[in-house]
């Protein structure tokens, strides 16, 4: 089984517009879709679609929290949430012809120290039946910036494989605990090292530096150019075919979910990269967040090109 952790879950509201948005006017929404959101819950849905057992863990509270858990039940995803006093946040994604996708993310209600400690206390029990644990996204106000580091150490002590997908101090602290995989993007690399990334060679170089911190798998999202994987076998790029994306929100989460499945199934690094890029590309062709058509994923898998960038990692 795989456990996904989402400490800053949300009700994701997608508003689909027929035309361009005109600021300062009343706009009619053509259609809308509510989803149990937050990066880890997107990951959970992908894992479920890939055919693996998954449970979602995290923090949830208020009417929104109850609604979020009910939506997970409808998706057939088991849950282990610690309930908090605050209200689970909402996030809005507006999709229109003029600008594509525009997201508005609420910060989330503050979490008390007691609520944080309760989650950490329950965490070993939550992950006891899982082989892989994914930890994704931001944390609510009030939560310690080293909570992911503590969770990773706990999971590693229990011999669980851990994937970390976050940013800022959470990423910096989490790296100290040496998760099995991290998936930063260009902006997160720049923030981590305090530098400006200029071109693909810089991406490769700094991915190698992260690998040198004791991280077995470093995956860098490259958008339409696929993804870069740095591991003991070398540096590889997975290139998808050119497609016309429908909804790119959550594509990185789709990649994390696919890599979690690949780790559980003991795929080789190159097999894992191909599987993850195919899944993320299929997700970009789906209007729903954290979803894809299996037939599309399978068709794309045969068209993913894996290129060896370097046979040895320079640290």
C-alpha atoms as a PDB file:
ATOM      1  CA  UNK A   1       0.000   0.000   0.000  1.00  0.00           C
ATOM      2  CA  UNK A   2       0.969   3.645  -0.487  1.00  0.00           C
ATOM      3  CA  UNK A   3       0.141   6.463   1.941  1.00  0.00           C
ATOM      4  CA  UNK A   4      -0.096  10.041   0.709  1.00  0.00           C
ATOM      5  CA  UNK A   5       0.192  12.909   3.194  1.00  0.00           C
ATOM      6  CA  UNK A   6      -1.556  16.257   2.657  1.00  0.00           C
ATOM      7  CA  UNK A   7      -1.315  18.565   5.665  1.00  0.00           C
ATOM      8  CA  UNK A   8      -2.819  21.553   3.811  1.00  0.00           C
ATOM      9  CA  UNK A   9      -5.722  19.870   2.000  1.00  0.00           C
ATOM     10  CA  UNK A  10      -8.413  21.911   0.255  1.00  0.00           C
ATOM     11  CA  UNK A  11     -11.696  21.871  -1.576  1.00  0.00           C
ATOM     12  CA  UNK A  12     -10.562  22.570  -5.140  1.00  0.00           C
ATOM     13  CA  UNK A  13     -13.144  24.414  -7.214  1.00  0.00           C
ATOM     14  CA  UNK A  14     -12.572  24.429 -10.984  1.00  0.00           C
ATOM     15  CA  UNK A  15     -14.543  27.076 -12.893  1.00  0.00           C
ATOM     16  CA  UNK A  16     -14.751  26.507 -16.647  1.00  0.00           C
ATOM     17  CA  UNK A  17     -15.427  29.706 -18.636  1.00  0.00           C
ATOM     18  CA  UNK A  18     -16.822  29.899 -22.177  1.00  0.00           C
ATOM     19  CA  UNK A  19     -14.963  33.096 -23.066  1.00  0.00           C
ATOM     20  CA  UNK A  20     -12.263  35.475 -21.908  1.00  0.00           C
ATOM     21  CA  UNK A  21     -12.484  36.918 -18.411  1.00  0.00           C
ATOM     22  CA  UNK A  22     -13.314  40.628 -18.282  1.00  0.00           C
ATOM     23  CA  UNK A  23     -12.104  42.200 -15.057  1.00  0.00           C
ATOM     24  CA  UNK A  24     -14.553  44.343 -13.115  1.00  0.00           C
ATOM     25  CA  UNK A  25     -17.644  42.636 -14.540  1.00  0.00           C
ATOM     26  CA  UNK A  26     -20.001  39.830 -13.535  1.00  0.00           C
ATOM     27  CA  UNK A  27     -18.894  36.606 -15.222  1.00  0.00           C
ATOM     28  CA  UNK A  28     -21.045  33.500 -15.662  1.00  0.00           C
ATOM     29  CA  UNK A  29     -19.373  30.143 -15.104  1.00  0.00           C
ATOM     30  CA  UNK A  30     -20.160  27.633 -17.852  1.00  0.00           C
ATOM     31  CA  UNK A  31     -19.571  24.639 -15.579  1.00  0.00           C
ATOM     32  CA  UNK A  32     -17.790  23.835 -12.344  1.00  0.00           C
ATOM     33  CA  UNK A  33     -16.238  20.846 -10.626  1.00  0.00           C
ATOM     34  CA  UNK A  34     -15.389  20.338  -6.941  1.00  0.00           C
ATOM     35  CA  UNK A  35     -12.537  18.021  -5.997  1.00  0.00           C
ATOM     36  CA  UNK A  36     -10.861  16.886  -2.790  1.00  0.00           C
ATOM     37  CA  UNK A  37      -7.708  18.881  -3.345  1.00  0.00           C
ATOM     38  CA  UNK A  38      -4.196  19.454  -2.149  1.00  0.00           C
ATOM     39  CA  UNK A  39      -1.131  17.955  -3.798  1.00  0.00           C
ATOM     40  CA  UNK A  40      -1.176  14.708  -1.845  1.00  0.00           C
ATOM     41  CA  UNK A  41      -4.818  14.017  -2.663  1.00  0.00           C
ATOM     42  CA  UNK A  42      -4.084  14.515  -6.360  1.00  0.00           C
ATOM     43  CA  UNK A  43      -1.305  11.966  -5.880  1.00  0.00           C
ATOM     44  CA  UNK A  44      -3.719   9.559  -4.171  1.00  0.00           C
ATOM     45  CA  UNK A  45      -6.201   9.631  -7.053  1.00  0.00           C
ATOM     46  CA  UNK A  46      -3.435   8.901  -9.556  1.00  0.00           C
ATOM     47  CA  UNK A  47      -2.221   5.938  -7.503  1.00  0.00           C
ATOM     48  CA  UNK A  48      -5.786   4.615  -7.331  1.00  0.00           C
ATOM     49  CA  UNK A  49      -6.133   4.929 -11.121  1.00  0.00           C
ATOM     50  CA  UNK A  50      -2.828   3.080 -11.523  1.00  0.00           C
ATOM     51  CA  UNK A  51      -4.423   0.134  -9.731  1.00  0.00           C
ATOM     52  CA  UNK A  52      -2.594   0.256  -6.394  1.00  0.00           C
ATOM     53  CA  UNK A  53      -3.990   0.400  -2.863  1.00  0.00           C
ATOM     54  CA  UNK A  54      -3.710   3.885  -1.399  1.00  0.00           C
ATOM     55  CA  UNK A  55      -4.763   5.749   1.708  1.00  0.00           C
ATOM     56  CA  UNK A  56      -4.843   9.514   2.208  1.00  0.00           C
ATOM     57  CA  UNK A  57      -3.642  11.051   5.464  1.00  0.00           C
ATOM     58  CA  UNK A  58      -3.436  14.614   6.699  1.00  0.00           C
ATOM     59  CA  UNK A  59      -5.351  17.309   8.540  1.00  0.00           C
ATOM     60  CA  UNK A  60      -9.013  18.208   7.983  1.00  0.00           C
ATOM     61  CA  UNK A  61     -11.544  20.362   9.793  1.00  0.00           C
ATOM     62  CA  UNK A  62     -14.982  21.968   9.714  1.00  0.00           C
ATOM     63  CA  UNK A  63     -17.689  21.572   7.088  1.00  0.00           C
ATOM     64  CA  UNK A  64     -15.125  21.651   4.284  1.00  0.00           C
ATOM     65  CA  UNK A  65     -13.129  18.910   5.987  1.00  0.00           C
ATOM     66  CA  UNK A  66     -16.193  16.667   6.239  1.00  0.00           C
ATOM     67  CA  UNK A  67     -17.044  17.387   2.595  1.00  0.00           C
ATOM     68  CA  UNK A  68     -13.466  16.599   1.561  1.00  0.00           C
ATOM     69  CA  UNK A  69     -13.548  13.236   3.333  1.00  0.00           C
ATOM     70  CA  UNK A  70     -16.906  12.382   1.756  1.00  0.00           C
ATOM     71  CA  UNK A  71     -15.471  13.060  -1.717  1.00  0.00           C
ATOM     72  CA  UNK A  72     -12.537  10.756  -0.991  1.00  0.00           C
ATOM     73  CA  UNK A  73     -15.013   8.042   0.001  1.00  0.00           C
ATOM     74  CA  UNK A  74     -16.790   8.526  -3.331  1.00  0.00           C
ATOM     75  CA  UNK A  75     -13.422   8.080  -5.072  1.00  0.00           C
ATOM     76  CA  UNK A  76     -12.859   4.827  -3.178  1.00  0.00           C
ATOM     77  CA  UNK A  77      -9.832   6.171  -1.301  1.00  0.00           C
ATOM     78  CA  UNK A  78      -9.438   5.196   2.350  1.00  0.00           C
ATOM     79  CA  UNK A  79      -8.495   8.009   4.723  1.00  0.00           C
ATOM     80  CA  UNK A  80      -6.690   8.646   7.992  1.00  0.00           C
ATOM     81  CA  UNK A  81      -7.154  12.321   8.841  1.00  0.00           C
ATOM     82  CA  UNK A  82      -6.496  14.022  12.153  1.00  0.00           C
ATOM     83  CA  UNK A  83      -9.363  16.433  12.767  1.00  0.00           C
ATOM     84  CA  UNK A  84      -8.579  20.048  13.628  1.00  0.00           C
ATOM     85  CA  UNK A  85     -10.685  22.941  14.910  1.00  0.00           C
ATOM     86  CA  UNK A  86     -10.070  25.196  11.899  1.00  0.00           C
ATOM     87  CA  UNK A  87     -11.883  25.012   8.568  1.00  0.00           C
ATOM     88  CA  UNK A  88     -10.232  23.195   5.655  1.00  0.00           C
ATOM     89  CA  UNK A  89      -9.393  25.775   2.987  1.00  0.00           C
ATOM     90  CA  UNK A  90     -10.805  26.224  -0.516  1.00  0.00           C
ATOM     91  CA  UNK A  91      -8.791  26.861  -3.678  1.00  0.00           C
ATOM     92  CA  UNK A  92     -10.137  28.104  -7.006  1.00  0.00           C
ATOM     93  CA  UNK A  93      -8.867  27.328 -10.503  1.00  0.00           C
ATOM     94  CA  UNK A  94     -10.349  29.408 -13.332  1.00  0.00           C
ATOM     95  CA  UNK A  95      -9.932  27.940 -16.815  1.00  0.00           C
ATOM     96  CA  UNK A  96     -10.681  30.312 -19.692  1.00  0.00           C
ATOM     97  CA  UNK A  97      -9.717  30.690 -23.326  1.00  0.00           C
ATOM     98  CA  UNK A  98      -7.735  33.892 -22.802  1.00  0.00           C
ATOM     99  CA  UNK A  99      -5.360  32.942 -20.009  1.00  0.00           C
ATOM    100  CA  UNK A 100      -5.598  29.183 -19.658  1.00  0.00           C
ATOM    101  CA  UNK A 101      -5.447  28.328 -15.965  1.00  0.00           C
ATOM    102  CA  UNK A 102      -5.432  30.854 -13.088  1.00  0.00           C
ATOM    103  CA  UNK A 103      -5.314  29.584  -9.493  1.00  0.00           C
ATOM    104  CA  UNK A 104      -6.325  31.307  -6.241  1.00  0.00           C
ATOM    105  CA  UNK A 105      -4.997  29.464  -3.188  1.00  0.00           C
ATOM    106  CA  UNK A 106      -6.261  30.161   0.336  1.00  0.00           C
ATOM    107  CA  UNK A 107      -3.556  29.918   3.038  1.00  0.00           C
ATOM    108  CA  UNK A 108      -5.478  27.580   5.352  1.00  0.00           C
ATOM    109  CA  UNK A 109      -6.546  28.127   8.970  1.00  0.00           C
ATOM    110  CA  UNK A 110      -3.905  28.042  11.717  1.00  0.00           C
ATOM    111  CA  UNK A 111      -3.136  24.664  13.288  1.00  0.00           C
ATOM    112  CA  UNK A 112      -2.366  24.447  17.003  1.00  0.00           C
ATOM    113  CA  UNK A 113       0.783  22.880  18.402  1.00  0.00           C
ATOM    114  CA  UNK A 114      -1.388  20.233  20.068  1.00  0.00           C
ATOM    115  CA  UNK A 115      -2.967  19.293  16.722  1.00  0.00           C
ATOM    116  CA  UNK A 116       0.454  19.042  15.089  1.00  0.00           C
ATOM    117  CA  UNK A 117       1.742  16.837  17.909  1.00  0.00           C
ATOM    118  CA  UNK A 118      -1.340  14.617  17.651  1.00  0.00           C
ATOM    119  CA  UNK A 119      -0.661  14.014  13.956  1.00  0.00           C
ATOM    120  CA  UNK A 120       3.006  13.174  14.599  1.00  0.00           C
ATOM    121  CA  UNK A 121       1.955  10.834  17.415  1.00  0.00           C
ATOM    122  CA  UNK A 122      -0.409   8.956  15.094  1.00  0.00           C
ATOM    123  CA  UNK A 123       1.904   8.968  12.063  1.00  0.00           C
ATOM    124  CA  UNK A 124       3.746   5.662  12.808  1.00  0.00           C
ATOM    125  CA  UNK A 125       0.393   3.872  13.081  1.00  0.00           C
ATOM    126  CA  UNK A 126      -0.903   5.536   9.901  1.00  0.00           C
ATOM    127  CA  UNK A 127       1.982   4.269   7.750  1.00  0.00           C
ATOM    128  CA  UNK A 128       2.489   0.847   9.334  1.00  0.00           C
ATOM    129  CA  UNK A 129       0.982  -1.088   6.387  1.00  0.00           C
ATOM    130  CA  UNK A 130       2.519   1.038   3.621  1.00  0.00           C
ATOM    131  CA  UNK A 131       5.627   0.382   1.554  1.00  0.00           C
ATOM    132  CA  UNK A 132       5.805   3.912   0.141  1.00  0.00           C
ATOM    133  CA  UNK A 133       4.897   7.269   1.694  1.00  0.00           C
ATOM    134  CA  UNK A 134       4.500  10.498  -0.271  1.00  0.00           C
ATOM    135  CA  UNK A 135       4.639  13.882   1.465  1.00  0.00           C
ATOM    136  CA  UNK A 136       3.414  16.772  -0.643  1.00  0.00           C
ATOM    137  CA  UNK A 137       2.758  20.486  -0.655  1.00  0.00           C
ATOM    138  CA  UNK A 138       2.638  23.277   1.875  1.00  0.00           C
ATOM    139  CA  UNK A 139       1.612  23.224   5.530  1.00  0.00           C
ATOM    140  CA  UNK A 140      -1.038  25.343   7.279  1.00  0.00           C
ATOM    141  CA  UNK A 141      -0.142  28.336   9.401  1.00  0.00           C
ATOM    142  CA  UNK A 142       1.254  27.343  12.788  1.00  0.00           C
ATOM    143  CA  UNK A 143       2.830  24.059  11.664  1.00  0.00           C
ATOM    144  CA  UNK A 144       6.573  23.695  12.286  1.00  0.00           C
ATOM    145  CA  UNK A 145       8.861  23.995   9.264  1.00  0.00           C
ATOM    146  CA  UNK A 146      10.678  20.814  10.278  1.00  0.00           C
ATOM    147  CA  UNK A 147       7.574  18.609  10.431  1.00  0.00           C
ATOM    148  CA  UNK A 148       8.411  16.895   7.141  1.00  0.00           C
ATOM    149  CA  UNK A 149      11.923  16.173   8.374  1.00  0.00           C
ATOM    150  CA  UNK A 150      10.433  14.483  11.458  1.00  0.00           C
ATOM    151  CA  UNK A 151       7.975  12.490   9.340  1.00  0.00           C
ATOM    152  CA  UNK A 152      10.678  11.330   6.929  1.00  0.00           C
ATOM    153  CA  UNK A 153      12.917  10.156   9.780  1.00  0.00           C
ATOM    154  CA  UNK A 154       9.975   8.279  11.295  1.00  0.00           C
ATOM    155  CA  UNK A 155       9.148   6.590   7.981  1.00  0.00           C
ATOM    156  CA  UNK A 156      12.787   5.726   7.263  1.00  0.00           C
ATOM    157  CA  UNK A 157      13.164   4.165  10.719  1.00  0.00           C
ATOM    158  CA  UNK A 158      10.241   1.916   9.746  1.00  0.00           C
ATOM    159  CA  UNK A 159      12.020   1.062   6.432  1.00  0.00           C
ATOM    160  CA  UNK A 160       9.447   2.864   4.304  1.00  0.00           C
ATOM    161  CA  UNK A 161      10.345   4.534   0.998  1.00  0.00           C
ATOM    162  CA  UNK A 162       9.586   8.262   1.065  1.00  0.00           C
ATOM    163  CA  UNK A 163       8.924  10.765  -1.725  1.00  0.00           C
ATOM    164  CA  UNK A 164       9.040  14.469  -0.802  1.00  0.00           C
ATOM    165  CA  UNK A 165       7.489  17.135  -3.024  1.00  0.00           C
ATOM    166  CA  UNK A 166       7.560  20.543  -1.373  1.00  0.00           C
ATOM    167  CA  UNK A 167       9.474  23.840  -1.402  1.00  0.00           C
ATOM    168  CA  UNK A 168      11.235  26.459   0.697  1.00  0.00           C
ATOM    169  CA  UNK A 169      12.216  25.654   4.281  1.00  0.00           C
ATOM    170  CA  UNK A 170      10.118  22.492   4.226  1.00  0.00           C
ATOM    171  CA  UNK A 171      12.253  21.138   1.377  1.00  0.00           C
ATOM    172  CA  UNK A 172      15.526  22.362   2.878  1.00  0.00           C
ATOM    173  CA  UNK A 173      14.796  20.717   6.225  1.00  0.00           C
ATOM    174  CA  UNK A 174      13.313  17.608   4.637  1.00  0.00           C
ATOM    175  CA  UNK A 175      16.503  16.970   2.664  1.00  0.00           C
ATOM    176  CA  UNK A 176      18.368  16.550   5.969  1.00  0.00           C
ATOM    177  CA  UNK A 177      16.415  13.329   6.563  1.00  0.00           C
ATOM    178  CA  UNK A 178      17.356  11.925   3.104  1.00  0.00           C
ATOM    179  CA  UNK A 179      14.031  10.917   1.547  1.00  0.00           C
ATOM    180  CA  UNK A 180      14.266   8.350  -1.252  1.00  0.00           C
ATOM    181  CA  UNK A 181      13.084  10.841  -3.865  1.00  0.00           C
ATOM    182  CA  UNK A 182      12.470  14.570  -4.236  1.00  0.00           C
ATOM    183  CA  UNK A 183      10.831  16.391  -7.141  1.00  0.00           C
ATOM    184  CA  UNK A 184      11.783  20.075  -7.201  1.00  0.00           C
ATOM    185  CA  UNK A 185      11.152  22.341 -10.166  1.00  0.00           C
ATOM    186  CA  UNK A 186      13.366  25.142 -11.481  1.00  0.00           C
ATOM    187  CA  UNK A 187      11.971  27.770  -9.078  1.00  0.00           C
ATOM    188  CA  UNK A 188      12.429  25.482  -6.090  1.00  0.00           C
ATOM    189  CA  UNK A 189      16.037  24.730  -7.075  1.00  0.00           C
ATOM    190  CA  UNK A 190      16.734  28.470  -7.300  1.00  0.00           C
ATOM    191  CA  UNK A 191      15.232  29.068  -3.849  1.00  0.00           C
ATOM    192  CA  UNK A 192      17.081  26.103  -2.330  1.00  0.00           C
ATOM    193  CA  UNK A 193      20.533  27.187  -3.538  1.00  0.00           C
ATOM    194  CA  UNK A 194      19.957  30.953  -3.742  1.00  0.00           C
ATOM    195  CA  UNK A 195      20.963  31.025  -7.410  1.00  0.00           C
ATOM    196  CA  UNK A 196      19.466  31.655 -10.823  1.00  0.00           C
ATOM    197  CA  UNK A 197      19.143  28.661 -13.118  1.00  0.00           C
ATOM    198  CA  UNK A 198      20.202  29.542 -16.658  1.00  0.00           C
ATOM    199  CA  UNK A 199      19.438  26.718 -19.025  1.00  0.00           C
ATOM    200  CA  UNK A 200      19.328  22.941 -19.016  1.00  0.00           C
ATOM    201  CA  UNK A 201      22.970  22.453 -17.987  1.00  0.00           C
ATOM    202  CA  UNK A 202      22.327  24.326 -14.736  1.00  0.00           C
ATOM    203  CA  UNK A 203      19.307  22.120 -14.042  1.00  0.00           C
ATOM    204  CA  UNK A 204      21.464  19.017 -14.514  1.00  0.00           C
ATOM    205  CA  UNK A 205      24.249  20.435 -12.347  1.00  0.00           C
ATOM    206  CA  UNK A 206      22.069  21.386  -9.381  1.00  0.00           C
ATOM    207  CA  UNK A 207      20.063  18.175  -9.603  1.00  0.00           C
ATOM    208  CA  UNK A 208      23.405  16.412  -9.204  1.00  0.00           C
ATOM    209  CA  UNK A 209      24.149  18.504  -6.115  1.00  0.00           C
ATOM    210  CA  UNK A 210      20.844  17.414  -4.557  1.00  0.00           C
ATOM    211  CA  UNK A 211      21.689  13.791  -5.389  1.00  0.00           C
ATOM    212  CA  UNK A 212      24.998  14.354  -3.599  1.00  0.00           C
ATOM    213  CA  UNK A 213      23.078  15.166  -0.408  1.00  0.00           C
ATOM    214  CA  UNK A 214      22.173  11.488  -0.144  1.00  0.00           C
ATOM    215  CA  UNK A 215      18.947  11.482  -2.167  1.00  0.00           C
ATOM    216  CA  UNK A 216      18.740   8.288  -4.306  1.00  0.00           C
ATOM    217  CA  UNK A 217      16.285   9.702  -6.864  1.00  0.00           C
ATOM    218  CA  UNK A 218      16.121  13.366  -7.872  1.00  0.00           C
ATOM    219  CA  UNK A 219      13.368  14.167 -10.372  1.00  0.00           C
ATOM    220  CA  UNK A 220      13.097  17.600 -11.983  1.00  0.00           C
ATOM    221  CA  UNK A 221       9.867  18.568 -13.732  1.00  0.00           C
ATOM    222  CA  UNK A 222      10.542  20.086 -17.155  1.00  0.00           C
ATOM    223  CA  UNK A 223       6.975  20.841 -18.272  1.00  0.00           C
ATOM    224  CA  UNK A 224       6.384  19.984 -21.910  1.00  0.00           C
ATOM    225  CA  UNK A 225       9.974  18.671 -22.087  1.00  0.00           C
ATOM    226  CA  UNK A 226       9.127  15.888 -19.627  1.00  0.00           C
ATOM    227  CA  UNK A 227      11.367  15.233 -16.653  1.00  0.00           C
ATOM    228  CA  UNK A 228      14.971  14.703 -15.606  1.00  0.00           C
ATOM    229  CA  UNK A 229      15.970  11.798 -13.361  1.00  0.00           C
ATOM    230  CA  UNK A 230      19.271  11.691 -11.468  1.00  0.00           C
ATOM    231  CA  UNK A 231      20.119   8.379  -9.798  1.00  0.00           C
ATOM    232  CA  UNK A 232      23.007   5.958  -9.258  1.00  0.00           C
ATOM    233  CA  UNK A 233      22.669   4.650 -12.828  1.00  0.00           C
ATOM    234  CA  UNK A 234      23.153   8.102 -14.363  1.00  0.00           C
ATOM    235  CA  UNK A 235      21.124  11.078 -15.557  1.00  0.00           C
ATOM    236  CA  UNK A 236      18.165  10.506 -17.851  1.00  0.00           C
ATOM    237  CA  UNK A 237      15.559  12.666 -19.539  1.00  0.00           C
ATOM    238  CA  UNK A 238      12.100  11.368 -20.362  1.00  0.00           C
ATOM    239  CA  UNK A 239      10.622  13.238 -23.339  1.00  0.00           C
ATOM    240  CA  UNK A 240       6.892  13.036 -24.106  1.00  0.00           C
ATOM    241  CA  UNK A 241       5.421  13.512 -27.586  1.00  0.00           C
ATOM    242  CA  UNK A 242       3.997  16.939 -28.356  1.00  0.00           C
ATOM    243  CA  UNK A 243       0.394  17.166 -27.147  1.00  0.00           C
ATOM    244  CA  UNK A 244      -2.210  19.898 -26.710  1.00  0.00           C
ATOM    245  CA  UNK A 245      -2.723  20.085 -22.952  1.00  0.00           C
ATOM    246  CA  UNK A 246      -6.250  20.460 -21.581  1.00  0.00           C
ATOM    247  CA  UNK A 247      -5.441  21.035 -17.890  1.00  0.00           C
ATOM    248  CA  UNK A 248      -1.886  21.119 -16.522  1.00  0.00           C
ATOM    249  CA  UNK A 249      -2.922  21.646 -12.877  1.00  0.00           C
ATOM    250  CA  UNK A 250      -1.692  18.686 -10.852  1.00  0.00           C
ATOM    251  CA  UNK A 251       0.550  17.209 -13.556  1.00  0.00           C
ATOM    252  CA  UNK A 252       3.503  17.268 -11.162  1.00  0.00           C
ATOM    253  CA  UNK A 253       1.374  15.415  -8.614  1.00  0.00           C
ATOM    254  CA  UNK A 254       0.532  12.858 -11.296  1.00  0.00           C
ATOM    255  CA  UNK A 255       4.251  12.316 -11.788  1.00  0.00           C
ATOM    256  CA  UNK A 256       4.769  11.824  -8.045  1.00  0.00           C
ATOM    257  CA  UNK A 257       1.917   9.315  -7.909  1.00  0.00           C
ATOM    258  CA  UNK A 258       3.329   7.356 -10.830  1.00  0.00           C
ATOM    259  CA  UNK A 259       6.825   7.309  -9.300  1.00  0.00           C
ATOM    260  CA  UNK A 260       5.325   6.064  -6.009  1.00  0.00           C
ATOM    261  CA  UNK A 261       3.696   3.206  -7.909  1.00  0.00           C
ATOM    262  CA  UNK A 262       6.976   2.525  -9.728  1.00  0.00           C
ATOM    263  CA  UNK A 263       8.886   2.381  -6.424  1.00  0.00           C
ATOM    264  CA  UNK A 264       6.341  -0.026  -4.954  1.00  0.00           C
ATOM    265  CA  UNK A 265       6.580  -2.232  -8.060  1.00  0.00           C
ATOM    266  CA  UNK A 266      10.409  -2.060  -8.058  1.00  0.00           C
ATOM    267  CA  UNK A 267      10.653  -0.680 -11.583  1.00  0.00           C
ATOM    268  CA  UNK A 268      14.107   0.142 -12.900  1.00  0.00           C
ATOM    269  CA  UNK A 269      14.930   3.888 -12.947  1.00  0.00           C
ATOM    270  CA  UNK A 270      14.354   4.154 -16.694  1.00  0.00           C
ATOM    271  CA  UNK A 271      11.100   2.181 -16.508  1.00  0.00           C
ATOM    272  CA  UNK A 272       9.950   4.420 -13.665  1.00  0.00           C
ATOM    273  CA  UNK A 273      10.780   7.583 -15.617  1.00  0.00           C
ATOM    274  CA  UNK A 274       8.917   6.384 -18.709  1.00  0.00           C
ATOM    275  CA  UNK A 275       5.885   5.371 -16.641  1.00  0.00           C
ATOM    276  CA  UNK A 276       5.816   8.676 -14.749  1.00  0.00           C
ATOM    277  CA  UNK A 277       6.182  10.901 -17.824  1.00  0.00           C
ATOM    278  CA  UNK A 278       3.472   8.943 -19.650  1.00  0.00           C
ATOM    279  CA  UNK A 279       1.131   9.288 -16.671  1.00  0.00           C
ATOM    280  CA  UNK A 280       1.772  13.021 -16.238  1.00  0.00           C
ATOM    281  CA  UNK A 281       1.257  13.632 -19.961  1.00  0.00           C
ATOM    282  CA  UNK A 282      -1.989  11.641 -19.921  1.00  0.00           C
ATOM    283  CA  UNK A 283      -3.117  13.735 -16.943  1.00  0.00           C
ATOM    284  CA  UNK A 284      -2.471  16.930 -18.926  1.00  0.00           C
ATOM    285  CA  UNK A 285      -4.953  15.643 -21.511  1.00  0.00           C
ATOM    286  CA  UNK A 286      -7.695  15.153 -18.905  1.00  0.00           C
ATOM    287  CA  UNK A 287      -9.994  18.028 -17.789  1.00  0.00           C
ATOM    288  CA  UNK A 288     -10.037  16.688 -14.227  1.00  0.00           C
ATOM    289  CA  UNK A 289      -7.228  17.272 -11.729  1.00  0.00           C
ATOM    290  CA  UNK A 290      -5.497  14.075 -10.654  1.00  0.00           C
ATOM    291  CA  UNK A 291      -7.070  11.945 -13.369  1.00  0.00           C
ATOM    292  CA  UNK A 292      -6.184  10.295 -16.668  1.00  0.00           C
ATOM    293  CA  UNK A 293      -7.495   7.756 -19.146  1.00  0.00           C
ATOM    294  CA  UNK A 294      -5.657   4.432 -18.883  1.00  0.00           C
ATOM    295  CA  UNK A 295      -5.810   3.867 -22.642  1.00  0.00           C
ATOM    296  CA  UNK A 296      -4.190   7.267 -23.238  1.00  0.00           C
ATOM    297  CA  UNK A 297      -1.475   6.541 -20.669  1.00  0.00           C
ATOM    298  CA  UNK A 298      -0.669   3.196 -22.276  1.00  0.00           C
ATOM    299  CA  UNK A 299      -0.558   4.683 -25.770  1.00  0.00           C
ATOM    300  CA  UNK A 300       1.751   7.478 -24.608  1.00  0.00           C
ATOM    301  CA  UNK A 301       4.079   5.060 -22.788  1.00  0.00           C
ATOM    302  CA  UNK A 302       5.144   3.636 -26.127  1.00  0.00           C
ATOM    303  CA  UNK A 303       6.029   7.109 -27.387  1.00  0.00           C
ATOM    304  CA  UNK A 304       8.120   8.363 -24.449  1.00  0.00           C
ATOM    305  CA  UNK A 305      11.775   8.753 -25.395  1.00  0.00           C
ATOM    306  CA  UNK A 306      14.385   8.087 -22.701  1.00  0.00           C
ATOM    307  CA  UNK A 307      17.692   9.838 -23.353  1.00  0.00           C
ATOM    308  CA  UNK A 308      20.868   9.247 -21.354  1.00  0.00           C
ATOM    309  CA  UNK A 309      22.285  12.678 -20.506  1.00  0.00           C
ATOM    310  CA  UNK A 310      25.237  11.397 -18.487  1.00  0.00           C
ATOM    311  CA  UNK A 311      26.236   7.876 -17.467  1.00  0.00           C
ATOM    312  CA  UNK A 312      27.774   9.140 -14.221  1.00  0.00           C
ATOM    313  CA  UNK A 313      26.516  11.843 -11.870  1.00  0.00           C
ATOM    314  CA  UNK A 314      28.832  14.774 -11.193  1.00  0.00           C
ATOM    315  CA  UNK A 315      28.312  15.874  -7.593  1.00  0.00           C
END
